[in-house]
């Protein structure tokens, strides 16, 4: 993928995110119809390794009343990397609550 192609894909993703951030209202977006958005989503979904693509597809899938769900293609290498990050964030985070009387002294 060339730099120009990647820039184009990121630009399309940002247009979709703009649409989503404006309450999925076509009036405030660069799109005229939802079919244009769906066409762009299918085009960028092939590049799921790019973060902005995943965000755009997720924002589309979270839309209420949306019948079409799109899954971005993510390479095996990227899936492993994302899984590793997710596991790292979910490290053994246990909360211990101690109740009772405590005396705190300062020197």
Protein backbone atom coordinates (compact mmCIF):
# COMPACT_ATOMS: atom_id res chain seq x y z
CA UNK A 1 0.00 0.00 0.00
CA UNK A 2 1.37 3.37 -0.97
CA UNK A 3 1.34 6.47 1.17
CA UNK A 4 -1.35 8.07 -1.00
CA UNK A 5 -3.63 5.04 -0.68
CA UNK A 6 -3.21 4.99 3.09
CA UNK A 7 -3.95 8.72 3.30
CA UNK A 8 -7.09 8.21 1.20
CA UNK A 9 -8.27 5.36 3.45
CA UNK A 10 -7.64 7.40 6.59
CA UNK A 11 -9.50 10.37 5.06
CA UNK A 12 -12.52 8.17 4.28
CA UNK A 13 -12.40 6.78 7.82
CA UNK A 14 -12.42 10.30 9.24
CA UNK A 15 -15.43 11.21 7.09
CA UNK A 16 -17.31 8.22 8.50
CA UNK A 17 -16.27 9.11 12.05
CA UNK A 18 -17.47 12.67 11.45
CA UNK A 19 -20.82 11.26 10.34
CA UNK A 20 -20.98 9.11 13.50
CA UNK A 21 -19.97 11.97 15.81
CA UNK A 22 -22.82 14.08 14.42
CA UNK A 23 -25.45 11.57 15.56
CA UNK A 24 -25.46 9.70 12.24
CA UNK A 25 -27.12 12.64 10.53
CA UNK A 26 -26.51 12.87 6.78
CA UNK A 27 -27.34 16.56 6.84
CA UNK A 28 -24.12 17.34 8.75
CA UNK A 29 -21.84 14.97 6.83
CA UNK A 30 -20.11 14.91 3.47
CA UNK A 31 -22.39 12.10 2.31
CA UNK A 32 -25.66 12.37 0.43
CA UNK A 33 -26.96 8.83 1.01
CA UNK A 34 -26.30 5.97 3.38
CA UNK A 35 -25.38 3.79 0.39
CA UNK A 36 -22.31 6.00 -0.19
CA UNK A 37 -21.26 5.36 3.41
CA UNK A 38 -21.79 1.62 3.04
CA UNK A 39 -19.74 1.58 -0.18
CA UNK A 40 -16.91 3.44 1.56
CA UNK A 41 -17.11 1.09 4.55
CA UNK A 42 -16.78 -1.98 2.34
CA UNK A 43 -13.83 -0.32 0.58
CA UNK A 44 -11.94 0.52 3.79
CA UNK A 45 -12.87 -2.68 5.66
CA UNK A 46 -10.14 -4.47 3.70
CA UNK A 47 -7.58 -2.36 5.57
CA UNK A 48 -8.52 -3.26 9.14
CA UNK A 49 -4.92 -3.11 10.32
CA UNK A 50 -5.27 0.69 10.34
CA UNK A 51 -6.69 1.99 13.61
CA UNK A 52 -8.91 4.68 12.10
CA UNK A 53 -10.54 2.04 9.88
CA UNK A 54 -11.39 -0.11 12.89
CA UNK A 55 -12.80 2.92 14.70
CA UNK A 56 -14.93 3.92 11.70
CA UNK A 57 -16.32 0.40 11.26
CA UNK A 58 -17.01 0.10 15.00
CA UNK A 59 -18.84 3.43 15.02
CA UNK A 60 -20.98 2.25 12.08
CA UNK A 61 -21.76 -1.06 13.79
CA UNK A 62 -22.84 0.75 16.99
CA UNK A 63 -25.46 2.75 15.11
CA UNK A 64 -28.95 1.95 16.39
CA UNK A 65 -31.30 0.43 13.85
CA UNK A 66 -28.43 -0.48 11.56
CA UNK A 67 -29.14 -3.75 9.77
CA UNK A 68 -25.80 -4.07 7.98
CA UNK A 69 -22.85 -5.08 10.18
CA UNK A 70 -19.41 -4.82 8.66
CA UNK A 71 -16.34 -6.67 9.91
CA UNK A 72 -12.92 -5.22 9.12
CA UNK A 73 -10.27 -7.61 7.83
CA UNK A 74 -7.39 -7.77 10.31
CA UNK A 75 -4.22 -9.69 9.50
CA UNK A 76 -3.15 -12.54 11.75
CA UNK A 77 -0.09 -10.63 12.90
CA UNK A 78 -2.17 -7.60 13.91
CA UNK A 79 -4.72 -9.82 15.68
CA UNK A 80 -1.94 -11.30 17.80
CA UNK A 81 -0.59 -7.83 18.57
CA UNK A 82 -4.03 -6.53 19.60
CA UNK A 83 -4.65 -9.61 21.74
CA UNK A 84 -1.30 -9.13 23.47
CA UNK A 85 -2.15 -5.47 24.21
CA UNK A 86 -5.58 -6.45 25.51
CA UNK A 87 -4.11 -9.07 27.84
CA UNK A 88 -1.51 -6.59 29.07
CA UNK A 89 -4.20 -4.04 29.91
CA UNK A 90 -6.19 -6.65 31.81
CA UNK A 91 -3.34 -7.69 34.11
CA UNK A 92 -4.36 -9.13 37.46
CA UNK A 93 -6.09 -5.98 38.73
CA UNK A 94 -7.61 -7.05 42.01
CA UNK A 95 -9.06 -4.53 44.39
CA UNK A 96 -8.57 -5.28 48.06
CA UNK A 97 -10.74 -3.44 50.53
CA UNK A 98 -9.79 -3.49 54.18
CA UNK A 99 -12.33 -2.34 56.71
CA UNK A 100 -11.87 -1.48 60.35
CA UNK A 101 -10.03 1.08 62.42
CA UNK A 102 -6.65 2.33 61.28
CA UNK A 103 -4.07 4.58 62.89
CA UNK A 104 -1.95 6.63 60.54
CA UNK A 105 1.17 8.31 61.97
CA UNK A 106 3.49 10.74 60.26
CA UNK A 107 7.09 11.34 61.28
